[in-house]
Amino acid sequence: MSTASIDQITLADEPARWEALGFTLADGACQLGSVIVAFTGQGKGIAGWSLRGVSSTELDGMATTLSQRPEPGSPPEHANGALAIDHVVAMSPSLDRTVAALGAAGLDLRRVREEPTPAGAPRQAFFRLGEVILEVVQEPGEVVDSHGGPDRPARLWGLALSFGDLERAVEQLGEHASPVRPAVQAGRQIATLRRSAGLSVPLALMSRAERVGAAP
């Protein structure tokens, strides 16, 4: 069984934007569950991540470094009720190639879903990284064709966070959050953060999973 886990995710956002949305920061970083979220304040999206327990950083183009840092202690409370990172979303123009690279590095593949998503992605693969799920999404064919073909690298794209009280969090975020709606995962709800929130990374807000550690 894989022991791979996420140590840190680095975002291009300004830390003050996260603090303004009700996240607790210390020394310019935010801890969500067992994962540290750091910020560069430059660029856009997810700049990279560091992983424990992998045999290679060659993850089909996803910017990755190795970490030997032990897991942090208990996370702080966040005013918006955020608990942890539920899953990280990556995009790939060639899902089979990316799955092979991640498996070769020691990541734990849980399953491949051969069904389209509501957003039109034809297939998805799910890996377990400690308490977090990595969801690798196959780009739709028209996206692959319009963005340079299938030889492009995979990329880290977005985050989904779990909340103890999703409706309260959405109410606090006001115009920055979409209405709550049923999630693809049975029994769960989801909302999304709008661009008005000022973040450069796509962020979904989800109700807490009923069974922590369950397969996706």
N, C-alpha and C. Protein backbone atom coordinates (compact mmCIF):
# COMPACT_ATOMS: atom_id res chain seq x y z
N MET A 1 0.84 -1.21 0.00
CA MET A 1 0.00 0.00 0.00
C MET A 1 0.87 1.25 0.00
N SER A 2 0.54 2.22 -0.81
CA SER A 2 1.33 3.44 -0.93
C SER A 2 1.26 4.27 0.34
N THR A 3 2.41 4.87 0.69
CA THR A 3 2.46 5.79 1.83
C THR A 3 2.60 7.24 1.36
N ALA A 4 2.38 7.48 0.08
CA ALA A 4 2.52 8.82 -0.46
C ALA A 4 1.49 9.76 0.15
N SER A 5 1.92 10.98 0.45
CA SER A 5 1.02 11.99 1.00
C SER A 5 1.52 13.36 0.58
N ILE A 6 0.65 14.34 0.70
CA ILE A 6 0.99 15.72 0.33
C ILE A 6 1.53 16.46 1.54
N ASP A 7 2.68 17.04 1.39
CA ASP A 7 3.24 17.91 2.43
C ASP A 7 2.75 19.34 2.24
N GLN A 8 2.96 19.89 1.05
CA GLN A 8 2.65 21.30 0.81
C GLN A 8 2.16 21.51 -0.61
N ILE A 9 1.20 22.40 -0.75
CA ILE A 9 0.74 22.88 -2.05
C ILE A 9 1.04 24.37 -2.11
N THR A 10 1.66 24.80 -3.18
CA THR A 10 2.04 26.20 -3.32
C THR A 10 1.16 26.86 -4.37
N LEU A 11 0.50 27.93 -3.97
CA LEU A 11 -0.41 28.66 -4.85
C LEU A 11 0.18 30.02 -5.21
N ALA A 12 -0.24 30.54 -6.36
CA ALA A 12 0.24 31.84 -6.81
C ALA A 12 -0.50 32.99 -6.13
N ASP A 13 -1.51 32.69 -5.33
CA ASP A 13 -2.34 33.74 -4.72
C ASP A 13 -1.57 34.57 -3.69
N GLU A 14 -2.12 35.75 -3.43
CA GLU A 14 -1.67 36.56 -2.30
C GLU A 14 -2.26 35.99 -1.02
N PRO A 15 -1.47 35.78 0.02
CA PRO A 15 -2.02 35.21 1.26
C PRO A 15 -3.13 36.05 1.87
N ALA A 16 -3.07 37.36 1.68
CA ALA A 16 -4.10 38.24 2.25
C ALA A 16 -5.47 37.93 1.68
N ARG A 17 -5.53 37.44 0.44
CA ARG A 17 -6.83 37.12 -0.15
C ARG A 17 -7.47 35.94 0.58
N TRP A 18 -6.69 34.95 0.95
CA TRP A 18 -7.20 33.81 1.70
C TRP A 18 -7.63 34.22 3.11
N GLU A 19 -6.83 35.06 3.71
CA GLU A 19 -7.17 35.53 5.06
C GLU A 19 -8.49 36.30 5.03
N ALA A 20 -8.70 37.09 3.99
CA ALA A 20 -9.94 37.87 3.87
C ALA A 20 -11.16 36.97 3.69
N LEU A 21 -10.94 35.73 3.22
CA LEU A 21 -12.05 34.79 3.01
C LEU A 21 -12.30 33.91 4.23
N GLY A 22 -11.62 34.18 5.33
CA GLY A 22 -11.89 33.47 6.58
C GLY A 22 -10.95 32.33 6.89
N PHE A 23 -9.82 32.24 6.18
CA PHE A 23 -8.83 31.21 6.48
C PHE A 23 -7.82 31.76 7.49
N THR A 24 -7.39 30.93 8.40
CA THR A 24 -6.40 31.31 9.39
C THR A 24 -5.01 31.07 8.82
N LEU A 25 -4.16 32.08 8.85
CA LEU A 25 -2.80 31.97 8.36
C LEU A 25 -1.81 32.18 9.50
N ALA A 26 -0.67 31.52 9.39
CA ALA A 26 0.43 31.70 10.33
C ALA A 26 1.72 31.74 9.52
N ASP A 27 2.52 32.76 9.75
CA ASP A 27 3.77 32.94 9.00
C ASP A 27 3.53 32.91 7.49
N GLY A 28 2.39 33.46 7.06
CA GLY A 28 2.10 33.58 5.65
C GLY A 28 1.62 32.32 4.98
N ALA A 29 1.34 31.27 5.75
CA ALA A 29 0.86 30.01 5.17
C ALA A 29 -0.41 29.56 5.89
N CYS A 30 -1.12 28.63 5.28
CA CYS A 30 -2.40 28.16 5.80
C CYS A 30 -2.34 26.63 5.91
N GLN A 31 -2.76 26.09 7.05
CA GLN A 31 -2.81 24.64 7.20
C GLN A 31 -4.25 24.16 7.11
N LEU A 32 -4.48 23.24 6.17
CA LEU A 32 -5.80 22.64 5.97
C LEU A 32 -5.65 21.14 6.17
N GLY A 33 -6.17 20.63 7.27
CA GLY A 33 -5.94 19.24 7.61
C GLY A 33 -4.46 19.02 7.83
N SER A 34 -3.87 18.05 7.13
CA SER A 34 -2.45 17.76 7.28
C SER A 34 -1.59 18.43 6.21
N VAL A 35 -2.19 19.28 5.39
CA VAL A 35 -1.48 19.89 4.26
C VAL A 35 -1.24 21.38 4.52
N ILE A 36 -0.01 21.80 4.25
CA ILE A 36 0.33 23.22 4.32
C ILE A 36 0.09 23.86 2.96
N VAL A 37 -0.60 24.99 2.95
CA VAL A 37 -0.82 25.75 1.72
C VAL A 37 0.04 27.01 1.81
N ALA A 38 0.99 27.12 0.89
CA ALA A 38 1.89 28.28 0.84
C ALA A 38 1.52 29.15 -0.36
N PHE A 39 2.01 30.37 -0.35
CA PHE A 39 1.62 31.35 -1.38
C PHE A 39 2.85 32.07 -1.91
N THR A 40 2.85 32.32 -3.22
CA THR A 40 3.95 33.08 -3.83
C THR A 40 3.57 34.53 -4.11
N GLY A 41 2.27 34.80 -4.29
CA GLY A 41 1.84 36.14 -4.65
C GLY A 41 2.18 36.52 -6.07
N GLN A 42 2.61 35.56 -6.88
CA GLN A 42 3.00 35.83 -8.27
C GLN A 42 2.47 34.74 -9.18
N GLY A 43 2.04 35.13 -10.36
CA GLY A 43 1.58 34.16 -11.34
C GLY A 43 0.12 33.81 -11.15
N LYS A 44 -0.21 32.57 -11.48
CA LYS A 44 -1.61 32.14 -11.47
C LYS A 44 -1.70 30.65 -11.18
N GLY A 45 -2.69 30.27 -10.39
CA GLY A 45 -3.00 28.87 -10.18
C GLY A 45 -2.10 28.18 -9.17
N ILE A 46 -1.95 26.86 -9.36
CA ILE A 46 -1.12 26.04 -8.47
C ILE A 46 0.30 26.00 -9.03
N ALA A 47 1.24 26.55 -8.26
CA ALA A 47 2.63 26.63 -8.72
C ALA A 47 3.34 25.29 -8.60
N GLY A 48 2.92 24.43 -7.68
CA GLY A 48 3.56 23.14 -7.49
C GLY A 48 3.18 22.54 -6.16
N TRP A 49 3.73 21.37 -5.86
CA TRP A 49 3.48 20.74 -4.58
C TRP A 49 4.68 19.90 -4.18
N SER A 50 4.74 19.56 -2.89
CA SER A 50 5.76 18.64 -2.41
C SER A 50 5.07 17.42 -1.81
N LEU A 51 5.65 16.24 -2.08
CA LEU A 51 5.05 14.98 -1.67
C LEU A 51 6.02 14.17 -0.83
N ARG A 52 5.48 13.42 0.11
CA ARG A 52 6.26 12.44 0.86
C ARG A 52 6.00 11.05 0.26
N GLY A 53 6.98 10.17 0.38
CA GLY A 53 6.75 8.76 0.08
C GLY A 53 6.60 8.40 -1.37
N VAL A 54 7.10 9.23 -2.28
CA VAL A 54 7.07 8.87 -3.70
C VAL A 54 8.49 8.56 -4.16
N SER A 55 8.61 7.73 -5.19
CA SER A 55 9.92 7.31 -5.66
C SER A 55 10.48 8.19 -6.76
N SER A 56 9.66 9.11 -7.25
CA SER A 56 10.09 9.97 -8.35
C SER A 56 9.28 11.25 -8.34
N THR A 57 9.88 12.31 -8.86
CA THR A 57 9.14 13.57 -9.03
C THR A 57 8.70 13.76 -10.48
N GLU A 58 8.89 12.73 -11.30
CA GLU A 58 8.49 12.79 -12.71
C GLU A 58 7.02 12.40 -12.82
N LEU A 59 6.15 13.36 -12.55
CA LEU A 59 4.71 13.11 -12.53
C LEU A 59 4.04 13.71 -13.77
N ASP A 60 4.56 13.37 -14.92
CA ASP A 60 4.01 13.78 -16.21
C ASP A 60 3.89 15.29 -16.34
N GLY A 61 4.85 16.00 -15.76
CA GLY A 61 4.90 17.45 -15.93
C GLY A 61 4.39 18.26 -14.76
N MET A 62 3.70 17.62 -13.80
CA MET A 62 3.24 18.36 -12.62
C MET A 62 4.44 18.74 -11.76
N ALA A 63 4.57 20.03 -11.44
CA ALA A 63 5.74 20.52 -10.71
C ALA A 63 5.77 19.94 -9.30
N THR A 64 6.73 19.03 -9.05
CA THR A 64 6.74 18.25 -7.82
C THR A 64 8.13 18.24 -7.21
N THR A 65 8.21 18.35 -5.89
CA THR A 65 9.45 18.15 -5.15
C THR A 65 9.20 17.12 -4.07
N LEU A 66 10.28 16.50 -3.61
CA LEU A 66 10.20 15.53 -2.53
C LEU A 66 10.30 16.23 -1.19
N SER A 67 9.60 15.71 -0.21
CA SER A 67 9.65 16.27 1.15
C SER A 67 9.89 15.16 2.16
N GLN A 68 10.74 15.46 3.13
CA GLN A 68 10.97 14.57 4.26
C GLN A 68 10.36 15.16 5.53
N ARG A 69 9.68 16.27 5.40
CA ARG A 69 9.12 16.94 6.58
C ARG A 69 7.99 16.11 7.17
N PRO A 70 7.97 15.92 8.48
CA PRO A 70 6.88 15.16 9.08
C PRO A 70 5.57 15.93 9.00
N GLU A 71 4.46 15.20 9.14
CA GLU A 71 3.16 15.86 9.11
C GLU A 71 3.05 16.87 10.24
N PRO A 72 2.39 18.00 10.01
CA PRO A 72 2.24 19.00 11.06
C PRO A 72 1.25 18.53 12.11
N GLY A 73 1.18 19.28 13.20
CA GLY A 73 0.22 18.97 14.24
C GLY A 73 -1.19 19.35 13.83
N SER A 74 -2.08 19.39 14.78
CA SER A 74 -3.49 19.68 14.49
C SER A 74 -3.62 21.05 13.84
N PRO A 75 -4.49 21.15 12.82
CA PRO A 75 -4.65 22.44 12.14
C PRO A 75 -5.41 23.43 13.01
N PRO A 76 -5.27 24.72 12.73
CA PRO A 76 -6.04 25.72 13.46
C PRO A 76 -7.49 25.72 13.00
N GLU A 77 -8.34 26.35 13.77
CA GLU A 77 -9.71 26.55 13.33
C GLU A 77 -9.74 27.71 12.33
N HIS A 78 -10.59 27.57 11.33
CA HIS A 78 -10.76 28.62 10.34
C HIS A 78 -12.13 29.25 10.53
N ALA A 79 -12.19 30.56 10.46
CA ALA A 79 -13.44 31.27 10.72
C ALA A 79 -14.55 30.86 9.77
N ASN A 80 -14.19 30.41 8.56
CA ASN A 80 -15.20 29.99 7.58
C ASN A 80 -15.60 28.53 7.74
N GLY A 81 -14.99 27.81 8.68
CA GLY A 81 -15.35 26.42 8.92
C GLY A 81 -14.64 25.40 8.07
N ALA A 82 -13.62 25.81 7.30
CA ALA A 82 -12.87 24.86 6.47
C ALA A 82 -12.17 23.83 7.35
N LEU A 83 -12.20 22.57 6.91
CA LEU A 83 -11.60 21.49 7.68
C LEU A 83 -10.32 20.94 7.06
N ALA A 84 -10.35 20.69 5.77
CA ALA A 84 -9.23 20.02 5.11
C ALA A 84 -9.38 20.14 3.61
N ILE A 85 -8.34 19.69 2.89
CA ILE A 85 -8.44 19.56 1.44
C ILE A 85 -9.09 18.22 1.14
N ASP A 86 -10.22 18.25 0.47
CA ASP A 86 -10.91 17.02 0.10
C ASP A 86 -10.21 16.37 -1.09
N HIS A 87 -10.01 17.14 -2.15
CA HIS A 87 -9.26 16.61 -3.28
C HIS A 87 -8.57 17.71 -4.08
N VAL A 88 -7.51 17.29 -4.74
CA VAL A 88 -6.76 18.14 -5.67
C VAL A 88 -7.13 17.68 -7.07
N VAL A 89 -7.37 18.62 -7.97
CA VAL A 89 -7.74 18.29 -9.34
C VAL A 89 -6.57 18.60 -10.27
N ALA A 90 -6.22 17.63 -11.09
CA ALA A 90 -5.22 17.82 -12.14
C ALA A 90 -5.87 17.58 -13.49
N MET A 91 -5.38 18.24 -14.52
CA MET A 91 -5.86 18.07 -15.88
C MET A 91 -4.79 17.40 -16.72
N SER A 92 -5.22 16.48 -17.58
CA SER A 92 -4.28 15.80 -18.46
C SER A 92 -4.85 15.69 -19.87
N PRO A 93 -4.01 15.94 -20.89
CA PRO A 93 -4.46 15.70 -22.26
C PRO A 93 -4.35 14.24 -22.65
N SER A 94 -3.72 13.42 -21.79
CA SER A 94 -3.53 12.00 -22.08
C SER A 94 -3.62 11.24 -20.76
N LEU A 95 -4.82 10.87 -20.36
CA LEU A 95 -5.04 10.29 -19.04
C LEU A 95 -4.23 9.01 -18.83
N ASP A 96 -4.20 8.12 -19.82
CA ASP A 96 -3.47 6.87 -19.65
C ASP A 96 -1.98 7.11 -19.41
N ARG A 97 -1.41 8.07 -20.11
CA ARG A 97 0.00 8.39 -19.93
C ARG A 97 0.26 8.93 -18.53
N THR A 98 -0.62 9.83 -18.06
CA THR A 98 -0.45 10.40 -16.73
C THR A 98 -0.63 9.35 -15.65
N VAL A 99 -1.62 8.50 -15.80
CA VAL A 99 -1.85 7.42 -14.83
C VAL A 99 -0.63 6.52 -14.73
N ALA A 100 -0.03 6.20 -15.86
CA ALA A 100 1.16 5.35 -15.86
C ALA A 100 2.33 6.03 -15.13
N ALA A 101 2.51 7.34 -15.36
CA ALA A 101 3.60 8.06 -14.71
C ALA A 101 3.39 8.12 -13.20
N LEU A 102 2.16 8.38 -12.77
CA LEU A 102 1.89 8.47 -11.34
C LEU A 102 2.05 7.10 -10.67
N GLY A 103 1.59 6.06 -11.34
CA GLY A 103 1.76 4.73 -10.79
C GLY A 103 3.22 4.34 -10.67
N ALA A 104 4.04 4.72 -11.66
CA ALA A 104 5.46 4.41 -11.62
C ALA A 104 6.17 5.12 -10.47
N ALA A 105 5.64 6.27 -10.06
CA ALA A 105 6.22 7.03 -8.95
C ALA A 105 5.74 6.54 -7.59
N GLY A 106 4.80 5.57 -7.59
CA GLY A 106 4.35 5.00 -6.34
C GLY A 106 3.04 5.51 -5.81
N LEU A 107 2.29 6.28 -6.61
CA LEU A 107 0.99 6.75 -6.15
C LEU A 107 -0.04 5.63 -6.24
N ASP A 108 -0.98 5.68 -5.33
CA ASP A 108 -1.97 4.61 -5.15
C ASP A 108 -3.21 4.89 -5.99
N LEU A 109 -3.32 4.21 -7.15
CA LEU A 109 -4.50 4.36 -8.00
C LEU A 109 -5.67 3.61 -7.39
N ARG A 110 -6.77 4.32 -7.13
CA ARG A 110 -7.95 3.69 -6.57
C ARG A 110 -8.92 3.21 -7.66
N ARG A 111 -9.15 4.04 -8.66
CA ARG A 111 -10.03 3.60 -9.73
C ARG A 111 -9.99 4.60 -10.88
N VAL A 112 -10.46 4.15 -12.03
CA VAL A 112 -10.67 5.00 -13.20
C VAL A 112 -12.15 4.99 -13.50
N ARG A 113 -12.73 6.17 -13.61
CA ARG A 113 -14.16 6.26 -13.92
C ARG A 113 -14.33 6.55 -15.40
N GLU A 114 -14.97 5.64 -16.08
CA GLU A 114 -15.15 5.74 -17.53
C GLU A 114 -16.51 6.37 -17.84
N GLU A 115 -16.81 7.45 -17.15
CA GLU A 115 -18.08 8.15 -17.36
C GLU A 115 -17.81 9.64 -17.48
N PRO A 116 -18.54 10.35 -18.35
CA PRO A 116 -18.33 11.79 -18.45
C PRO A 116 -18.80 12.53 -17.20
N THR A 117 -18.11 13.61 -16.88
CA THR A 117 -18.51 14.47 -15.77
C THR A 117 -19.55 15.47 -16.26
N PRO A 118 -20.26 16.14 -15.35
CA PRO A 118 -21.21 17.19 -15.76
C PRO A 118 -20.55 18.29 -16.59
N ALA A 119 -19.23 18.49 -16.37
CA ALA A 119 -18.53 19.53 -17.12
C ALA A 119 -18.02 19.04 -18.47
N GLY A 120 -18.21 17.75 -18.77
CA GLY A 120 -17.86 17.24 -20.09
C GLY A 120 -16.56 16.49 -20.20
N ALA A 121 -15.85 16.29 -19.09
CA ALA A 121 -14.62 15.50 -19.14
C ALA A 121 -14.97 14.02 -19.33
N PRO A 122 -14.35 13.34 -20.27
CA PRO A 122 -14.79 11.97 -20.59
C PRO A 122 -14.38 10.90 -19.57
N ARG A 123 -13.24 11.08 -18.90
CA ARG A 123 -12.74 10.05 -17.98
C ARG A 123 -12.01 10.72 -16.82
N GLN A 124 -11.91 10.00 -15.71
CA GLN A 124 -11.19 10.50 -14.54
C GLN A 124 -10.47 9.33 -13.87
N ALA A 125 -9.34 9.63 -13.24
CA ALA A 125 -8.62 8.65 -12.43
C ALA A 125 -8.44 9.23 -11.03
N PHE A 126 -8.51 8.38 -10.03
CA PHE A 126 -8.45 8.81 -8.64
C PHE A 126 -7.31 8.11 -7.91
N PHE A 127 -6.47 8.90 -7.26
CA PHE A 127 -5.35 8.40 -6.48
C PHE A 127 -5.51 8.84 -5.03
N ARG A 128 -5.03 8.01 -4.11
CA ARG A 128 -5.05 8.37 -2.70
C ARG A 128 -3.69 8.91 -2.28
N LEU A 129 -3.68 10.10 -1.68
CA LEU A 129 -2.47 10.72 -1.15
C LEU A 129 -2.74 11.08 0.31
N GLY A 130 -2.57 10.11 1.21
CA GLY A 130 -2.89 10.36 2.61
C GLY A 130 -4.37 10.61 2.77
N GLU A 131 -4.72 11.75 3.39
CA GLU A 131 -6.13 12.07 3.60
C GLU A 131 -6.76 12.74 2.38
N VAL A 132 -5.97 12.99 1.35
CA VAL A 132 -6.43 13.75 0.18
C VAL A 132 -6.54 12.83 -1.03
N ILE A 133 -7.55 13.08 -1.86
CA ILE A 133 -7.70 12.40 -3.14
C ILE A 133 -7.14 13.29 -4.25
N LEU A 134 -6.36 12.70 -5.14
CA LEU A 134 -5.96 13.37 -6.37
C LEU A 134 -6.88 12.89 -7.48
N GLU A 135 -7.59 13.81 -8.08
CA GLU A 135 -8.50 13.51 -9.19
C GLU A 135 -7.86 14.01 -10.48
N VAL A 136 -7.50 13.09 -11.35
CA VAL A 136 -6.89 13.45 -12.63
C VAL A 136 -7.97 13.36 -13.70
N VAL A 137 -8.20 14.47 -14.37
CA VAL A 137 -9.30 14.59 -15.33
C VAL A 137 -8.76 14.60 -16.75
N GLN A 138 -9.30 13.74 -17.58
CA GLN A 138 -8.97 13.77 -19.01
C GLN A 138 -9.63 14.97 -19.66
N GLU A 139 -8.84 15.81 -20.31
CA GLU A 139 -9.41 16.95 -21.01
C GLU A 139 -10.30 16.47 -22.15
N PRO A 140 -11.41 17.15 -22.39
CA PRO A 140 -12.24 16.80 -23.56
C PRO A 140 -11.44 16.93 -24.85
N GLY A 141 -11.84 16.16 -25.85
CA GLY A 141 -11.11 16.15 -27.11
C GLY A 141 -10.95 17.51 -27.75
N GLU A 142 -11.99 18.34 -27.67
CA GLU A 142 -11.89 19.66 -28.30
C GLU A 142 -10.89 20.56 -27.58
N VAL A 143 -10.76 20.36 -26.28
CA VAL A 143 -9.77 21.13 -25.51
C VAL A 143 -8.37 20.67 -25.88
N VAL A 144 -8.17 19.36 -25.96
CA VAL A 144 -6.87 18.82 -26.35
C VAL A 144 -6.46 19.37 -27.71
N ASP A 145 -7.37 19.35 -28.66
CA ASP A 145 -7.05 19.80 -30.01
C ASP A 145 -6.77 21.30 -30.08
N SER A 146 -7.51 22.07 -29.31
CA SER A 146 -7.36 23.54 -29.39
C SER A 146 -6.20 24.07 -28.56
N HIS A 147 -5.61 23.22 -27.70
CA HIS A 147 -4.52 23.67 -26.85
C HIS A 147 -3.19 23.00 -27.15
N GLY A 148 -3.05 22.44 -28.36
CA GLY A 148 -1.74 21.95 -28.76
C GLY A 148 -1.57 20.46 -28.82
N GLY A 149 -2.64 19.70 -28.64
CA GLY A 149 -2.54 18.26 -28.81
C GLY A 149 -2.24 17.49 -27.53
N PRO A 150 -2.15 16.16 -27.62
CA PRO A 150 -2.03 15.31 -26.44
C PRO A 150 -0.63 15.20 -25.85
N ASP A 151 0.38 15.80 -26.49
CA ASP A 151 1.74 15.67 -25.99
C ASP A 151 2.08 16.67 -24.88
N ARG A 152 1.17 17.57 -24.59
CA ARG A 152 1.41 18.53 -23.50
C ARG A 152 1.46 17.82 -22.15
N PRO A 153 2.13 18.39 -21.16
CA PRO A 153 2.18 17.77 -19.84
C PRO A 153 0.86 17.91 -19.09
N ALA A 154 0.68 17.09 -18.09
CA ALA A 154 -0.43 17.26 -17.16
C ALA A 154 -0.14 18.48 -16.27
N ARG A 155 -1.19 18.98 -15.62
CA ARG A 155 -1.00 20.17 -14.77
C ARG A 155 -1.95 20.13 -13.58
N LEU A 156 -1.45 20.59 -12.46
CA LEU A 156 -2.29 20.78 -11.29
C LEU A 156 -3.21 21.96 -11.56
N TRP A 157 -4.49 21.81 -11.23
CA TRP A 157 -5.48 22.80 -11.68
C TRP A 157 -6.29 23.44 -10.55
N GLY A 158 -6.86 22.66 -9.65
CA GLY A 158 -7.77 23.24 -8.67
C GLY A 158 -7.84 22.43 -7.39
N LEU A 159 -8.57 22.98 -6.41
CA LEU A 159 -8.72 22.36 -5.09
C LEU A 159 -10.19 22.29 -4.72
N ALA A 160 -10.53 21.28 -3.93
CA ALA A 160 -11.84 21.20 -3.30
C ALA A 160 -11.60 21.03 -1.80
N LEU A 161 -12.24 21.87 -1.00
CA LEU A 161 -12.07 21.85 0.45
C LEU A 161 -13.34 21.34 1.11
N SER A 162 -13.19 20.65 2.22
CA SER A 162 -14.35 20.19 2.98
C SER A 162 -14.62 21.15 4.13
N PHE A 163 -15.91 21.32 4.43
CA PHE A 163 -16.36 22.25 5.46
C PHE A 163 -17.29 21.54 6.43
N GLY A 164 -17.20 21.93 7.70
CA GLY A 164 -18.09 21.35 8.69
C GLY A 164 -19.53 21.77 8.50
N ASP A 165 -19.74 23.02 8.04
CA ASP A 165 -21.08 23.54 7.79
C ASP A 165 -21.02 24.33 6.48
N LEU A 166 -21.29 23.65 5.39
CA LEU A 166 -21.13 24.27 4.08
C LEU A 166 -22.09 25.45 3.89
N GLU A 167 -23.33 25.30 4.29
CA GLU A 167 -24.29 26.38 4.09
C GLU A 167 -23.87 27.64 4.85
N ARG A 168 -23.34 27.46 6.05
CA ARG A 168 -22.86 28.61 6.82
C ARG A 168 -21.67 29.26 6.12
N ALA A 169 -20.77 28.44 5.59
CA ALA A 169 -19.61 28.99 4.89
C ALA A 169 -20.04 29.80 3.67
N VAL A 170 -20.98 29.28 2.90
CA VAL A 170 -21.47 29.97 1.72
C VAL A 170 -22.16 31.28 2.11
N GLU A 171 -22.89 31.24 3.21
CA GLU A 171 -23.55 32.46 3.68
C GLU A 171 -22.51 33.51 4.07
N GLN A 172 -21.45 33.10 4.74
CA GLN A 172 -20.39 34.04 5.13
C GLN A 172 -19.69 34.64 3.92
N LEU A 173 -19.48 33.81 2.89
CA LEU A 173 -18.77 34.28 1.71
C LEU A 173 -19.63 35.18 0.83
N GLY A 174 -20.94 35.14 1.03
CA GLY A 174 -21.84 36.04 0.33
C GLY A 174 -21.76 35.93 -1.18
N GLU A 175 -21.59 37.05 -1.84
CA GLU A 175 -21.59 37.08 -3.30
C GLU A 175 -20.41 36.34 -3.92
N HIS A 176 -19.41 36.02 -3.11
CA HIS A 176 -18.23 35.32 -3.65
C HIS A 176 -18.46 33.83 -3.88
N ALA A 177 -19.56 33.28 -3.36
CA ALA A 177 -19.81 31.83 -3.48
C ALA A 177 -21.09 31.57 -4.27
N SER A 178 -21.09 30.49 -5.02
CA SER A 178 -22.29 30.07 -5.74
C SER A 178 -23.27 29.43 -4.76
N PRO A 179 -24.52 29.25 -5.15
CA PRO A 179 -25.45 28.51 -4.29
C PRO A 179 -25.00 27.07 -4.09
N VAL A 180 -25.40 26.49 -2.98
CA VAL A 180 -25.10 25.09 -2.69
C VAL A 180 -25.97 24.20 -3.58
N ARG A 181 -25.38 23.12 -4.09
CA ARG A 181 -26.10 22.18 -4.94
C ARG A 181 -25.60 20.76 -4.64
N PRO A 182 -26.31 19.74 -5.07
CA PRO A 182 -25.84 18.37 -4.85
C PRO A 182 -24.52 18.12 -5.59
N ALA A 183 -23.62 17.42 -4.93
CA ALA A 183 -22.35 17.05 -5.56
C ALA A 183 -22.49 15.73 -6.31
N VAL A 184 -21.49 15.41 -7.13
CA VAL A 184 -21.48 14.12 -7.81
C VAL A 184 -21.43 12.98 -6.80
N GLN A 185 -20.67 13.20 -5.71
CA GLN A 185 -20.58 12.19 -4.65
C GLN A 185 -21.91 12.12 -3.91
N ALA A 186 -22.46 10.93 -3.82
CA ALA A 186 -23.78 10.76 -3.20
C ALA A 186 -23.78 11.26 -1.76
N GLY A 187 -24.82 12.02 -1.42
CA GLY A 187 -25.00 12.49 -0.06
C GLY A 187 -24.21 13.73 0.29
N ARG A 188 -23.47 14.28 -0.67
CA ARG A 188 -22.66 15.46 -0.37
C ARG A 188 -23.15 16.66 -1.19
N GLN A 189 -22.76 17.85 -0.73
CA GLN A 189 -23.13 19.08 -1.42
C GLN A 189 -21.88 19.85 -1.79
N ILE A 190 -22.04 20.75 -2.75
CA ILE A 190 -20.89 21.49 -3.26
C ILE A 190 -21.30 22.91 -3.64
N ALA A 191 -20.36 23.82 -3.54
CA ALA A 191 -20.50 25.17 -4.06
C ALA A 191 -19.15 25.55 -4.65
N THR A 192 -19.10 26.62 -5.42
CA THR A 192 -17.82 27.05 -5.99
C THR A 192 -17.57 28.50 -5.64
N LEU A 193 -16.30 28.83 -5.54
CA LEU A 193 -15.91 30.21 -5.27
C LEU A 193 -15.86 30.97 -6.58
N ARG A 194 -16.47 32.14 -6.60
CA ARG A 194 -16.51 32.94 -7.82
C ARG A 194 -15.25 33.77 -7.99
N ARG A 195 -15.04 34.28 -9.18
CA ARG A 195 -13.84 35.07 -9.48
C ARG A 195 -13.77 36.33 -8.64
N SER A 196 -14.93 36.81 -8.19
CA SER A 196 -14.94 38.03 -7.37
C SER A 196 -14.16 37.86 -6.07
N ALA A 197 -13.91 36.60 -5.65
CA ALA A 197 -13.16 36.35 -4.43
C ALA A 197 -11.69 36.72 -4.59
N GLY A 198 -11.22 36.83 -5.81
CA GLY A 198 -9.86 37.28 -6.07
C GLY A 198 -8.79 36.20 -6.02
N LEU A 199 -9.19 34.91 -6.06
CA LEU A 199 -8.20 33.84 -6.09
C LEU A 199 -7.88 33.46 -7.52
N SER A 200 -6.67 32.96 -7.74
CA SER A 200 -6.27 32.56 -9.09
C SER A 200 -6.42 31.06 -9.31
N VAL A 201 -6.79 30.33 -8.27
CA VAL A 201 -6.95 28.89 -8.38
C VAL A 201 -8.43 28.54 -8.26
N PRO A 202 -8.98 27.70 -9.14
CA PRO A 202 -10.37 27.26 -8.98
C PRO A 202 -10.54 26.55 -7.63
N LEU A 203 -11.57 26.94 -6.89
CA LEU A 203 -11.78 26.40 -5.55
C LEU A 203 -13.22 25.98 -5.38
N ALA A 204 -13.42 24.71 -5.02
CA ALA A 204 -14.75 24.19 -4.71
C ALA A 204 -14.88 24.02 -3.21
N LEU A 205 -16.09 24.20 -2.71
CA LEU A 205 -16.40 24.03 -1.29
C LEU A 205 -17.35 22.85 -1.16
N MET A 206 -17.03 21.89 -0.29
CA MET A 206 -17.84 20.69 -0.19
C MET A 206 -18.23 20.41 1.26
N SER A 207 -19.39 19.77 1.41
CA SER A 207 -19.76 19.30 2.74
C SER A 207 -18.85 18.17 3.14
N ARG A 208 -18.75 17.95 4.43
CA ARG A 208 -17.87 16.92 4.96
C ARG A 208 -18.27 15.53 4.45
N ALA A 209 -17.27 14.70 4.13
CA ALA A 209 -17.55 13.33 3.73
C ALA A 209 -18.04 12.54 4.95
N GLU A 210 -19.02 11.68 4.73
CA GLU A 210 -19.56 10.90 5.84
C GLU A 210 -18.55 9.92 6.39
N ARG A 211 -17.76 9.34 5.51
CA ARG A 211 -16.76 8.37 5.94
C ARG A 211 -15.39 8.87 5.55
N VAL A 212 -14.62 9.37 6.52
CA VAL A 212 -13.28 9.85 6.25
C VAL A 212 -12.41 8.69 5.79
N GLY A 213 -11.71 8.90 4.68
CA GLY A 213 -10.81 7.86 4.17
C GLY A 213 -11.48 6.91 3.19
N ALA A 214 -12.76 7.12 2.92
CA ALA A 214 -13.45 6.23 1.98
C ALA A 214 -12.90 6.43 0.58
N ALA A 215 -12.94 5.41 -0.22
CA ALA A 215 -12.50 5.53 -1.61
C ALA A 215 -13.44 6.45 -2.36
N PRO A 216 -12.96 7.17 -3.38
CA PRO A 216 -13.82 8.09 -4.12
C PRO A 216 -14.88 7.37 -4.92
